[in-house]
Protein backbone atom coordinates (compact mmCIF):
# COMPACT_ATOMS: atom_id res chain seq x y z
CA ASP A 1 -20.32 21.55 15.03
CA THR A 2 -17.87 21.50 17.91
CA MET A 3 -18.02 18.27 19.89
CA ARG A 4 -16.52 17.16 23.17
CA ILE A 5 -14.50 14.04 22.34
CA GLY A 6 -12.74 11.56 24.62
CA ILE A 7 -9.97 9.31 23.29
CA ILE A 8 -9.09 6.04 25.03
CA THR A 9 -5.83 4.33 24.09
CA PHE A 10 -2.41 3.24 25.46
CA HIS A 11 -1.31 6.85 26.00
CA PHE A 12 0.54 5.91 29.21
CA ALA A 13 2.81 3.25 27.70
CA HIS A 14 6.56 3.85 27.69
CA ASN A 15 6.46 3.38 23.94
CA HIS A 16 7.23 6.22 21.57
CA GLY A 17 4.77 5.15 18.89
CA ALA A 18 1.92 4.61 21.36
CA VAL A 19 2.26 8.12 22.76
CA LEU A 20 2.76 9.84 19.42
CA GLN A 21 -0.24 8.20 17.78
CA CYS A 22 -2.37 9.54 20.64
CA CYS A 23 -0.89 13.03 20.18
CA ALA A 24 -1.65 12.85 16.45
CA LEU A 25 -5.29 11.81 16.85
CA GLN A 26 -5.81 14.52 19.47
CA LYS A 27 -4.22 17.09 17.12
CA TYR A 28 -6.30 16.09 14.10
CA LEU A 29 -9.58 16.24 16.03
CA GLU A 30 -8.62 19.65 17.45
CA SER A 31 -7.83 20.89 13.93
CA GLN A 32 -11.47 20.11 13.09
CA GLY A 33 -12.60 22.46 15.86
CA HIS A 34 -13.42 19.86 18.53
CA ASP A 35 -12.73 19.98 22.27
CA VAL A 36 -10.59 16.89 22.84
CA LYS A 37 -9.28 15.10 25.90
CA VAL A 38 -7.57 11.77 26.48
CA ILE A 39 -9.34 9.54 28.99
CA ASN A 40 -6.64 8.86 31.56
CA TYR A 41 -7.47 5.16 31.90
CA ARG A 42 -4.58 3.33 33.52
CA PRO A 43 -5.75 -0.12 34.64
CA LYS A 44 -3.72 -1.82 37.35
CA TYR A 45 -2.74 -4.72 35.10
CA HIS A 46 -0.99 -2.17 32.85
CA THR A 47 0.54 0.15 35.41
CA VAL A 48 2.48 -2.71 36.98
CA ARG A 49 4.63 -2.66 33.85
CA TYR A 50 5.17 1.08 33.79
CA ASP A 51 5.38 2.08 37.45
CA ALA A 52 8.61 3.91 38.30
CA VAL A 53 9.04 1.57 41.26
CA LYS A 54 7.34 -1.77 40.72
CA ASN A 55 5.67 -4.11 43.21
CA PRO A 56 7.77 -7.32 42.78
CA PHE A 57 4.92 -9.70 43.60
CA ARG A 58 2.39 -8.01 41.31
CA TYR A 59 5.05 -7.80 38.59
CA ALA A 60 5.85 -11.53 38.92
CA SER A 61 2.15 -12.48 38.86
CA ASP A 62 1.67 -10.43 35.71
CA VAL A 63 4.61 -12.16 33.98
CA CYS A 64 3.29 -15.61 34.92
CA LYS A 65 -0.15 -14.76 33.59
CA LYS A 66 1.28 -13.38 30.36
CA LYS A 67 3.43 -16.47 29.80
CA LYS A 68 0.50 -18.74 30.73
CA CYS A 69 2.76 -20.69 33.08
CA THR A 70 1.75 -24.16 34.22
CA SER A 71 1.86 -25.07 37.90
CA VAL A 72 5.22 -26.79 37.38
CA GLY A 73 6.99 -23.85 35.71
CA ARG A 74 5.17 -21.10 37.58
CA ILE A 75 7.40 -21.17 40.69
CA LYS A 76 10.60 -20.81 38.65
CA VAL A 77 9.21 -17.98 36.49
CA PHE A 78 7.71 -16.26 39.54
CA CYS A 79 11.02 -16.28 41.45
CA ARG A 80 13.02 -15.11 38.42
CA SER A 81 10.52 -12.31 37.80
CA ILE A 82 10.74 -11.09 41.40
CA ALA A 83 14.53 -11.01 41.11
CA ARG A 84 14.35 -9.13 37.80
CA CYS A 85 11.86 -6.63 39.22
CA MET A 86 14.06 -5.90 42.23
CA LYS A 87 17.04 -5.45 39.92
CA LEU A 88 15.06 -2.95 37.80
CA ASN A 89 14.00 -1.07 40.92
CA ILE A 90 17.59 -0.87 42.19
CA LYS A 91 18.97 0.30 38.83
CA GLY A 92 16.19 2.86 38.53
CA THR A 93 15.90 2.35 34.77
CA ASP A 94 12.12 2.49 34.67
CA LYS A 95 12.15 5.47 37.02
CA LYS A 96 14.09 7.45 34.40
CA ASN A 97 11.76 6.31 31.64
CA ALA A 98 8.69 7.18 33.70
CA ALA A 99 10.06 10.69 34.22
CA PHE A 100 10.80 11.20 30.50
CA PHE A 101 7.43 9.93 29.30
CA GLY A 102 5.50 11.55 32.15
CA GLU A 103 6.89 14.98 31.33
CA PHE A 104 6.15 14.58 27.60
CA THR A 105 2.56 13.36 28.02
CA SER A 106 1.67 15.96 30.64
CA LYS A 107 2.96 18.67 28.29
CA ASN A 108 1.34 17.42 25.07
CA LEU A 109 -1.81 15.51 26.03
CA HIS A 110 -4.99 16.93 27.58
CA LEU A 111 -5.87 14.33 30.20
CA THR A 112 -9.01 13.69 32.22
CA LYS A 113 -8.80 12.60 35.82
CA ARG A 114 -7.29 9.16 36.37
CA TYR A 115 -9.31 5.94 36.16
CA THR A 116 -7.85 2.62 37.32
CA SER A 117 -10.62 0.18 36.37
CA LEU A 118 -13.66 -0.30 34.15
CA LYS A 119 -15.75 -0.16 37.32
CA SER A 120 -14.54 3.38 38.09
CA LEU A 121 -15.20 4.43 34.47
CA LYS A 122 -18.76 3.15 34.67
CA LYS A 123 -19.42 4.66 38.07
CA ASN A 124 -18.30 8.17 37.16
CA PRO A 125 -17.71 8.33 33.38
CA PRO A 126 -16.07 11.35 31.76
CA GLU A 127 -18.75 13.37 29.96
CA PHE A 128 -18.27 13.65 26.21
CA ASP A 129 -20.41 13.76 23.10
CA ALA A 130 -18.31 11.02 21.51
CA TYR A 131 -15.82 8.41 22.61
CA ILE A 132 -13.10 7.14 20.28
CA SER A 133 -11.19 3.92 20.94
CA GLY A 134 -7.91 3.84 19.06
CA SER A 135 -5.45 3.47 17.67
CA ASP A 136 -2.93 0.76 18.77
CA GLN A 137 -3.43 -2.88 19.79
CA LEU A 138 -6.30 -2.15 22.18
CA TRP A 139 -8.06 -5.41 21.30
CA ASN A 140 -5.05 -7.69 21.76
CA PRO A 141 -5.64 -9.75 24.94
CA ASP A 142 -1.91 -10.56 25.13
CA LEU A 143 -1.22 -6.88 25.85
CA LEU A 144 -4.06 -6.59 28.33
CA ASP A 145 -4.94 -8.89 31.22
CA GLN A 146 -4.99 -11.94 28.91
CA LYS A 147 -8.59 -11.11 28.06
CA PHE A 148 -10.51 -8.33 26.32
CA ASP A 149 -10.97 -5.15 28.34
CA ARG A 150 -14.49 -3.80 27.76
CA ALA A 151 -13.23 -0.27 28.45
CA TYR A 152 -11.54 -0.32 25.04
CA PHE A 153 -14.92 -1.24 23.51
CA LEU A 154 -16.36 1.90 25.15
CA ASP A 155 -18.64 0.02 27.55
CA PHE A 156 -19.23 3.07 29.76
CA GLY A 157 -20.91 6.48 29.60
CA LYS A 158 -24.37 7.64 28.56
CA PRO A 159 -26.22 5.61 25.90
CA GLU A 160 -26.62 8.61 23.58
CA CYS A 161 -22.84 9.16 23.22
CA ARG A 162 -21.23 8.30 19.87
CA ARG A 163 -18.96 5.24 20.17
CA ILE A 164 -16.31 4.89 17.46
CA ALA A 165 -13.38 2.51 16.96
CA TYR A 166 -10.58 4.11 14.94
CA ALA A 167 -7.71 2.15 13.30
CA VAL A 168 -7.56 -0.47 16.05
CA SER A 169 -4.82 -3.05 15.51
CA MET A 170 -5.07 -6.72 16.46
CA GLY A 171 -1.45 -7.87 16.64
CA LYS A 172 -2.47 -11.55 16.68
CA GLU A 173 -4.81 -14.20 15.29
CA PHE A 174 -7.86 -14.86 17.44
CA SER A 175 -9.21 -18.17 18.70
CA PRO A 176 -12.83 -19.12 17.84
CA GLU A 177 -13.90 -18.13 21.36
CA GLU A 178 -12.14 -14.75 21.07
CA CYS A 179 -13.86 -14.20 17.71
CA ARG A 180 -17.23 -14.88 19.32
CA GLN A 181 -16.47 -12.39 22.09
CA LEU A 182 -15.23 -9.82 19.57
CA ASN A 183 -18.52 -10.07 17.69
CA GLU A 184 -20.48 -9.36 20.87
CA LEU A 185 -18.23 -6.50 22.00
CA CYS A 186 -18.28 -4.69 18.64
CA ALA A 187 -22.05 -4.88 18.17
CA PRO A 188 -22.88 -1.73 20.26
CA LEU A 189 -20.27 0.44 18.48
CA ASP A 190 -21.55 3.02 15.97
CA ALA A 191 -18.66 2.38 13.61
CA VAL A 192 -15.64 0.10 13.43
CA SER A 193 -12.36 0.66 11.63
CA LEU A 194 -9.17 -1.38 11.81
CA ARG A 195 -5.61 -0.49 10.89
CA GLU A 196 -4.84 -3.77 9.11
CA LYS A 197 -7.06 -5.80 6.81
CA THR A 198 -7.41 -8.98 8.85
CA LEU A 199 -10.18 -10.94 7.14
CA SER A 200 -10.68 -13.38 10.03
CA VAL A 201 -11.38 -10.43 12.35
CA ILE A 202 -13.68 -8.74 9.82
CA ASP A 203 -15.60 -12.00 9.48
CA ALA A 204 -15.84 -12.31 13.27
CA ILE A 205 -17.14 -8.76 13.74
CA GLU A 206 -19.84 -9.24 11.08
CA ARG A 207 -19.98 -5.49 10.47
CA ASP A 208 -19.07 -3.21 7.60
CA VAL A 209 -15.48 -2.58 8.66
CA HIS A 210 -13.37 0.29 7.35
CA ILE A 211 -9.58 0.20 7.10
CA CYS A 212 -7.94 3.45 8.24
CA ILE A 213 -4.37 4.64 8.58
CA ASP A 214 -2.52 5.04 11.85
CA PRO A 215 -3.23 8.47 13.42
CA THR A 216 0.43 9.50 13.06
CA LEU A 217 -0.09 9.54 9.28
CA LEU A 218 -3.06 11.89 9.48
CA ILE A 219 -0.73 14.79 10.34
CA ASP A 220 1.98 16.50 8.26
CA ALA A 221 5.63 16.64 9.35
CA GLU A 222 5.19 20.29 10.31
CA TYR A 223 3.27 19.31 13.45
CA TYR A 224 6.04 16.95 14.56
CA HIS A 225 8.68 19.67 14.09
CA GLY A 226 7.07 21.39 17.07
CA LEU A 227 7.43 18.25 19.19
CA GLU A 228 11.05 17.45 18.35
CA SER A 229 13.86 17.67 20.85
CA LYS A 230 16.31 20.52 20.32
CA GLU A 231 19.13 18.16 21.32
CA LYS A 232 21.06 17.18 18.17
CA GLU A 233 23.96 14.87 17.40
CA LYS A 234 27.14 16.53 16.16
CA GLU A 235 28.28 13.68 13.89
CA PRO A 236 26.42 11.64 11.23
CA TYR A 237 24.81 8.41 12.45
CA ILE A 238 22.64 5.45 11.56
CA PHE A 239 19.61 5.17 13.83
CA VAL A 240 18.56 1.67 14.90
CA TYR A 241 15.20 1.10 16.55
CA GLY A 242 13.82 -2.39 17.06
CA PHE A 243 11.71 -4.62 19.26
CA GLU A 244 13.49 -7.93 18.70
CA THR A 245 16.97 -9.16 17.88
CA SER A 246 17.14 -11.31 14.76
CA ASP A 247 19.79 -12.39 12.29
CA ALA A 248 18.06 -10.30 9.64
CA ILE A 249 18.23 -7.01 11.54
CA LYS A 250 21.85 -7.69 12.51
CA LYS A 251 22.71 -8.20 8.85
CA ALA A 252 20.85 -5.04 7.87
CA ILE A 253 22.69 -3.01 10.53
CA ASP A 254 26.05 -4.42 9.45
CA MET A 255 25.32 -3.66 5.79
CA ALA A 256 24.22 -0.10 6.59
CA SER A 257 27.31 0.46 8.73
CA LYS A 258 29.60 -0.59 5.89
CA LYS A 259 27.62 1.40 3.33
CA PHE A 260 27.46 4.72 5.19
CA GLY A 261 30.62 4.45 7.29
CA CYS A 262 29.25 6.32 10.29
CA ARG A 263 28.51 5.49 13.90
CA ILE A 264 25.36 3.73 15.10
CA ILE A 265 22.91 5.06 17.64
CA ASN A 266 20.87 2.17 18.98
CA GLY A 267 17.71 3.67 20.45
CA SER A 268 15.93 0.33 20.83
CA PRO A 269 14.07 -0.18 24.12
CA GLY A 270 16.51 -2.77 25.48
CA ARG A 271 15.58 -5.54 23.04
CA VAL A 272 18.18 -5.13 20.28
CA LYS A 273 21.61 -5.67 21.79
CA LEU A 274 24.51 -4.10 19.90
CA THR A 275 28.19 -3.87 20.80
CA GLY A 276 31.23 -2.27 19.19
CA GLU A 277 33.32 0.87 19.28
CA ASN A 278 31.07 2.70 16.83
CA VAL A 279 27.85 1.84 18.72
CA GLU A 280 26.11 4.07 21.24
CA ASN A 281 23.21 2.43 23.08
CA ILE A 282 20.60 4.91 24.33
CA ARG A 283 17.59 3.47 26.10
CA ASP A 284 15.94 6.13 28.26
CA TYR A 285 14.55 9.09 26.32
CA ALA A 286 11.23 10.74 25.51
CA PRO A 287 9.25 10.73 22.24
CA ASP A 288 10.60 14.18 21.33
CA ARG A 289 14.11 12.78 21.03
CA PHE A 290 12.81 9.72 19.17
CA LEU A 291 11.51 12.09 16.49
CA SER A 292 14.81 13.98 16.35
CA PHE A 293 16.82 10.76 16.09
CA ILE A 294 14.85 9.72 12.99
CA LYS A 295 14.68 13.16 11.40
CA ASN A 296 18.44 13.77 11.58
CA ALA A 297 19.70 10.25 10.80
CA GLU A 298 21.70 9.41 7.69
CA TYR A 299 19.82 6.11 7.54
CA VAL A 300 17.28 4.23 9.68
CA VAL A 301 17.21 0.46 10.34
CA THR A 302 14.13 -0.77 12.15
CA ASN A 303 11.61 -3.55 12.75
CA SER A 304 9.20 -1.13 14.43
CA PHE A 305 5.96 0.00 12.78
CA HIS A 306 6.13 3.57 14.07
CA ALA A 307 9.83 4.00 13.29
CA THR A 308 8.86 2.97 9.74
CA VAL A 309 6.00 5.51 9.77
CA PHE A 310 8.22 8.38 10.89
CA SER A 311 10.91 7.42 8.38
CA VAL A 312 8.21 7.99 5.75
CA ILE A 313 6.95 11.21 7.37
CA TYR A 314 10.50 12.64 7.45
CA LYS A 315 11.24 11.22 3.96
CA LYS A 316 14.29 9.27 5.10
CA ARG A 317 16.27 6.49 3.50
CA PHE A 318 15.54 3.42 5.59
CA ALA A 319 15.38 -0.35 5.84
CA THR A 320 12.43 -2.05 7.52
CA VAL A 321 13.10 -5.61 8.65
CA PRO A 322 9.58 -7.00 9.24
CA HIS A 323 9.03 -8.09 12.85
CA THR A 324 8.63 -11.87 13.02
CA THR A 325 5.24 -11.72 14.75
CA ARG A 326 3.97 -8.20 13.99
CA GLY A 327 5.56 -7.56 10.60
CA ARG A 328 2.34 -7.66 8.61
CA ARG A 329 1.41 -4.06 9.41
CA MET A 330 4.78 -2.78 8.13
CA VAL A 331 4.57 -4.81 4.93
CA GLU A 332 0.98 -3.67 4.34
CA LEU A 333 1.75 0.02 4.91
CA LEU A 334 4.80 0.12 2.62
CA GLY A 335 2.87 -1.82 0.00
CA LYS A 336 0.09 0.78 0.01
CA LEU A 337 2.66 3.57 -0.38
CA GLY A 338 4.62 1.81 -3.13
CA LEU A 339 7.74 1.64 -0.96
CA ASN A 340 8.17 -2.16 -0.98
CA ASP A 341 11.85 -1.87 -1.89
CA ALA A 342 12.57 -0.49 1.60
CA LEU A 343 11.58 -3.92 2.99
CA TRP A 344 14.51 -6.12 3.87
CA GLY A 345 14.43 -9.45 1.99
CA THR A 346 12.32 -8.24 -0.94
CA PRO A 347 13.73 -8.66 -4.46
CA GLY A 348 14.20 -4.92 -5.01
CA PHE A 349 15.76 -4.12 -1.63
CA SER A 350 19.03 -2.23 -1.69
CA MET A 351 20.85 0.17 0.63
CA ASP A 352 21.10 2.42 -2.45
CA TYR A 353 17.30 2.59 -2.72
CA LEU A 354 15.99 6.17 -2.93
CA PRO A 355 12.26 6.16 -2.06
CA ASP A 356 10.02 7.98 -4.54
CA TYR A 357 8.31 10.17 -1.95
CA ASP A 358 6.40 12.22 -4.52
CA SER A 359 4.55 9.10 -5.60
CA ALA A 360 4.29 7.76 -2.03
CA TYR A 361 2.77 11.01 -0.77
CA GLU A 362 0.16 11.00 -3.53
CA LYS A 363 -0.93 7.57 -2.30
CA LEU A 364 -0.74 8.72 1.32
CA GLU A 365 -2.98 11.70 0.58
CA ALA A 366 -5.66 9.35 -0.77
CA LEU A 367 -5.39 7.19 2.34
CA ARG A 368 -5.60 10.28 4.54
CA ASN A 369 -8.72 11.50 2.81
CA ASN A 370 -10.34 8.11 3.27
CA SER A 371 -9.54 8.02 7.00
CA LYS A 372 -10.56 11.64 7.60
CA ASN A 373 -13.83 10.98 5.80
CA TYR A 374 -14.48 8.04 8.14
CA ILE A 375 -13.77 10.13 11.25
CA ASN A 376 -15.80 13.13 10.15
CA LYS A 377 -18.79 11.09 8.97
CA THR A 378 -18.93 9.00 12.16
CA LEU A 379 -18.78 12.12 14.33
CA SER A 380 -21.57 13.70 12.29
CA GLY A 381 -23.87 10.81 13.21
CA CYS A 382 -23.35 8.18 10.51
CA LYS A 383 -23.16 4.51 11.30
CA GLY A 384 -20.17 2.68 9.85
CA GLU A 385 -22.50 0.91 7.41
CA GLU A 386 -23.72 4.28 6.10
CA ILE A 387 -20.26 5.57 5.15
CA GLU A 388 -19.18 5.05 1.57
CA HIS A 389 -16.01 3.12 0.86
CA MET A 390 -13.78 5.51 -1.05
CA ASP A 391 -11.93 4.30 -4.13
CA VAL A 392 -8.41 4.08 -2.71
CA GLU A 393 -5.60 2.19 -4.44
CA ASP A 394 -4.91 -1.23 -2.89
CA SER A 395 -8.50 -1.32 -1.57
CA SER A 396 -8.15 0.57 1.67
CA CYS A 397 -11.71 -0.28 2.77
CA TYR A 398 -13.06 -3.76 3.24
CA ALA A 399 -16.61 -4.85 3.87
CA ARG A 400 -17.25 -8.30 5.29
CA ILE A 401 -16.66 -10.94 2.63
CA LYS A 402 -18.82 -14.03 2.49
CA PRO A 403 -17.01 -17.35 2.02
CA SER A 404 -18.94 -17.97 -1.21
CA GLU A 405 -17.40 -14.80 -2.66
CA ARG A 406 -13.89 -15.83 -1.75
CA TYR A 407 -13.59 -19.33 -3.15
CA SER A 408 -14.45 -21.13 -6.37
CA ASP A 409 -14.57 -24.79 -7.32
CA LEU A 410 -11.16 -26.35 -7.92
CA ASN A 411 -10.20 -29.40 -9.95
CA ALA A 412 -7.59 -31.62 -8.30
CA THR A 413 -5.19 -34.30 -9.53
CA TYR A 414 -3.04 -36.43 -7.28
CA GLY A 415 -0.03 -38.65 -7.81
CA TYR A 416 3.03 -40.20 -6.16
CA TYR A 417 6.53 -41.41 -6.99
CA LYS A 418 6.52 -44.93 -8.48
CA ASN A 419 10.07 -45.60 -7.24
CA THR A 420 9.46 -47.13 -3.80
CA ASP A 421 12.91 -46.29 -2.39
CA LYS A 422 12.64 -42.62 -3.39
CA LEU A 423 9.03 -42.49 -2.20
CA LYS A 424 10.11 -43.53 1.31
CA LYS A 425 12.59 -40.64 1.47
CA SER A 426 9.98 -38.07 0.42
CA ALA A 427 7.51 -36.18 2.59
CA SER A 428 4.60 -35.69 0.17
CA GLY A 429 4.56 -38.55 -2.30
CA GLY A 430 7.77 -37.51 -4.00
CA VAL A 431 6.02 -35.25 -6.54
CA ALA A 432 8.49 -32.39 -6.02
CA SER A 433 11.42 -34.79 -6.42
CA ALA A 434 10.04 -36.18 -9.68
CA MET A 435 9.53 -32.70 -11.16
CA SER A 436 12.95 -31.55 -9.93
CA GLU A 437 14.70 -34.52 -11.51
CA ALA A 438 12.95 -33.89 -14.83
CA VAL A 439 14.10 -30.25 -14.89
CA ILE A 440 17.69 -31.12 -13.86
CA LYS A 441 17.94 -33.79 -16.59
CA GLU A 442 16.99 -31.15 -19.16
CA GLY A 443 19.86 -28.91 -17.97
CA GLY A 444 17.64 -26.61 -15.92
CA ALA A 445 17.87 -25.33 -12.33
CA VAL A 446 15.63 -25.96 -9.33
CA TYR A 447 15.13 -23.52 -6.44
CA GLY A 448 14.03 -25.02 -3.14
CA VAL A 449 14.30 -24.40 0.59
CA VAL A 450 17.18 -25.67 2.74
CA TYR A 451 18.02 -25.35 6.40
CA ARG A 452 20.89 -23.05 7.33
CA ASP A 453 23.79 -24.74 9.10
CA ASP A 454 22.42 -24.03 12.60
CA PHE A 455 18.87 -25.27 11.69
CA LYS A 456 17.41 -22.10 13.24
CA SER A 457 16.33 -20.64 9.92
CA ALA A 458 16.01 -21.55 6.26
CA CYS A 459 16.71 -19.93 2.90
CA TYR A 460 16.56 -20.75 -0.79
CA GLN A 461 19.24 -22.65 -2.69
CA ARG A 462 19.76 -23.45 -6.35
CA ALA A 463 20.26 -27.04 -7.49
CA ASP A 464 21.94 -27.87 -10.79
CA SER A 465 22.49 -31.60 -10.14
CA LEU A 466 20.47 -34.55 -8.85
CA GLU A 467 22.70 -34.71 -5.75
CA GLN A 468 21.94 -31.11 -4.82
CA ILE A 469 18.15 -31.58 -4.75
CA GLU A 470 18.52 -34.02 -1.84
CA ARG A 471 18.80 -31.05 0.55
CA PHE A 472 15.32 -29.90 -0.48
CA LYS A 473 13.69 -33.03 0.90
CA GLY A 474 11.85 -32.93 4.18
CA SER A 475 9.27 -30.42 5.35
CA LYS A 476 10.29 -27.10 6.88
CA TYR A 477 7.30 -25.87 8.86
CA PHE A 478 8.28 -22.22 9.07
CA VAL A 479 8.75 -19.23 6.77
CA PRO A 480 12.10 -19.20 4.88
CA GLU A 481 14.01 -16.11 3.82
CA LEU A 482 13.73 -15.22 0.12
CA VAL A 483 17.50 -15.06 -0.19
CA MET A 484 20.31 -17.42 -1.19
CA PRO A 485 22.92 -18.58 1.37
CA ASN A 486 25.18 -15.72 0.24
CA GLY A 487 22.46 -13.14 1.00
CA GLU A 488 21.55 -12.44 -2.65
CA SER A 489 17.87 -12.26 -3.54
CA VAL A 490 16.59 -15.60 -4.86
CA PHE A 491 14.51 -13.73 -7.45
CA SER A 492 17.60 -11.96 -8.78
CA ASP A 493 19.34 -15.33 -9.16
CA ILE A 494 16.31 -16.78 -10.97
CA GLU A 495 16.36 -13.78 -13.33
CA LYS A 496 19.99 -14.53 -14.24
CA THR A 497 19.20 -18.20 -14.85
CA LEU A 498 16.22 -17.42 -17.09
CA ASN A 499 18.30 -14.90 -19.03
CA GLU A 500 20.78 -17.71 -19.69
CA GLY A 501 17.95 -19.54 -21.48
CA LYS A 502 17.63 -22.28 -18.85
CA THR A 503 14.47 -23.86 -17.49
CA VAL A 504 13.69 -22.91 -13.89
CA LEU A 505 11.53 -24.74 -11.33
CA PHE A 506 10.63 -22.73 -8.20
CA ILE A 507 8.99 -24.46 -5.23
CA GLY A 508 7.39 -22.39 -2.48
CA LEU A 509 4.27 -21.21 -0.71
CA GLY A 510 1.59 -19.46 -2.74
CA CYS A 511 2.56 -16.01 -1.48
CA MET A 512 6.17 -16.60 -2.55
CA VAL A 513 5.15 -17.87 -5.97
CA GLY A 514 2.91 -14.82 -6.30
CA ALA A 515 5.82 -12.55 -5.41
CA LEU A 516 8.02 -14.26 -8.01
CA LYS A 517 5.33 -13.80 -10.66
CA LYS A 518 5.08 -10.10 -9.79
CA TYR A 519 8.87 -9.81 -9.98
CA ALA A 520 8.95 -11.52 -13.38
CA GLU A 521 6.21 -9.21 -14.66
CA SER A 522 7.84 -6.01 -13.39
CA HIS A 523 11.27 -7.06 -14.75
CA LYS A 524 9.73 -8.16 -18.08
CA LEU A 525 11.19 -11.68 -17.84
CA ASP A 526 10.42 -14.39 -20.38
CA GLU A 527 8.30 -16.81 -18.35
CA THR A 528 8.03 -19.55 -20.98
CA LYS A 529 10.69 -21.57 -19.16
CA LEU A 530 9.59 -20.67 -15.63
CA TYR A 531 7.70 -23.39 -13.76
CA THR A 532 6.36 -22.91 -10.26
CA VAL A 533 4.93 -25.20 -7.58
CA ASP A 534 2.56 -23.75 -4.97
CA LEU A 535 2.62 -25.70 -1.72
CA ILE A 536 -0.74 -25.74 0.05
CA CYS A 537 -0.30 -23.33 2.95
CA HIS A 538 -1.62 -24.15 6.42
CA GLY A 539 -0.14 -21.02 7.97
CA PRO A 540 3.56 -21.78 8.66
CA MET A 541 5.12 -20.59 11.89
CA LEU A 542 7.70 -17.83 11.95
CA ALA A 543 11.41 -18.57 11.84
CA SER A 544 11.81 -17.15 15.35
CA ALA A 545 9.74 -20.06 16.74
CA GLN A 546 12.05 -22.55 15.03
CA ALA A 547 15.11 -20.70 16.38
CA ASP A 548 13.70 -20.72 19.92
CA PHE A 549 12.86 -24.44 19.67
CA VAL A 550 16.35 -25.37 18.44
CA ALA A 551 18.02 -23.17 21.06
CA GLY A 552 15.86 -24.77 23.76
CA LEU A 553 16.87 -28.28 22.70
CA GLU A 554 20.56 -27.36 22.60
CA THR A 555 20.35 -25.80 26.05
CA LYS A 556 18.44 -28.75 27.48
CA TYR A 557 20.83 -31.39 26.16
CA LYS A 558 23.98 -29.21 26.25
CA SER A 559 24.83 -30.18 22.70
CA LYS A 560 24.64 -28.77 19.17
CA ILE A 561 22.08 -30.15 16.69
CA VAL A 562 23.76 -31.82 13.71
CA ASP A 563 20.64 -32.81 11.77
CA PHE A 564 16.96 -31.82 11.79
CA THR A 565 14.13 -33.59 9.97
């Protein structure tokens, strides 16, 4: 039966993916015969970021709140933010963006009247048979007012309305207090689905949670052809779209430039800075041109989730460099589609990689069917707990898992280095050193993590002598790159060493050891001489945090770091 459905999401954001995922969900629901509108909810804490002309004081207050400034640093941040806001207003950059996005959304989205607060939504709610919250990071307090917004948990409207969460993304790990609040806020919803399988969140919700794909993937490329800009580039180009500058994405861009020999269009929203004669930086443009840029590119380099999605939709050759804080969703998506080799830093990555889109689209069709089933069943009156979990490869649906089902009893043995001098130089009893020495003395090779020269990141290195293993000592409390100093995959180097008949010892986190085991299995390696050490993982920080810390110290003391322990 035809239903009146209201969608609430970040449809107003000057973000191509945010707008397009809203368009896609609206389109899919309309294709099912429903009357669909987007609830034009634009809270003041959000509009301060997207106003064509910003209020400097409100803008500065918002920045201070987002950065959680202390009383000491607040004045400095506040003054800098006012100055930045005035500069933006004078340049008119956001005015151009507001015009581009405003024209696109007014043309392609069916909007209700405007609401500026939860209070106004409750006082005069838009009348629908069902409300859908999603997709995007609607439950990420860091993107809101530093707290959950009950509007995105559908805390308005008549009690009899259906209330459904669709493919909501978290974007962060929650504190115990946030988990408690999340549990309370999700309880009234008829059904809950997330975009990523975050077990801590599923545990907190204490509901039967479904995992669904981003709305953009519900729709075929044919729909997006109708949205594309007619403006086309005359010469071949590589399209770059990212939300952070990192050494990894710079390397990927440089490699792609050398491989394809064509110019670069950098369409990143001001966060990836590129220079050079063959680079054209384009910041202000609407989602229609974003689609055209990806569709017509020779190659795409990105650390954006939605640029990855549309690279898949348009069946492009591309490289995804996982974002340092939000990369999980990209890794998870490409894993489900069997396109892992498009991920920068993985053993199989290569600029020559030709994605097997026939196989990927078979997997995508199964994921689509699962997500469409969830939407259609919830709209027909089913609770989330009443909807079957379809048999999708890579377990696309996840019910709440009890701790007793996740862990088993473990036997443990402990030990330490007997040599007192060597023990003092070691971080964890010298066990790794003892094993490394034993392998080296037998003519084998050891692979461990070392700092790069600037101490802002780390990578793997091979040791063939007792002297070389000294660099492995000392803890590195952040995620290393799975590459050698020369950029070659560490797994490829291990494969060569094993094929030479040598013993190999690999030391790393459990996920890295697991990846090596998968690599060895898929490449049919003889593992009889492969030894691995899993370090107990406490959740290491990202390399970007280490880089920021080192840069901060060097700025503070006006000197370069020469050693880091």
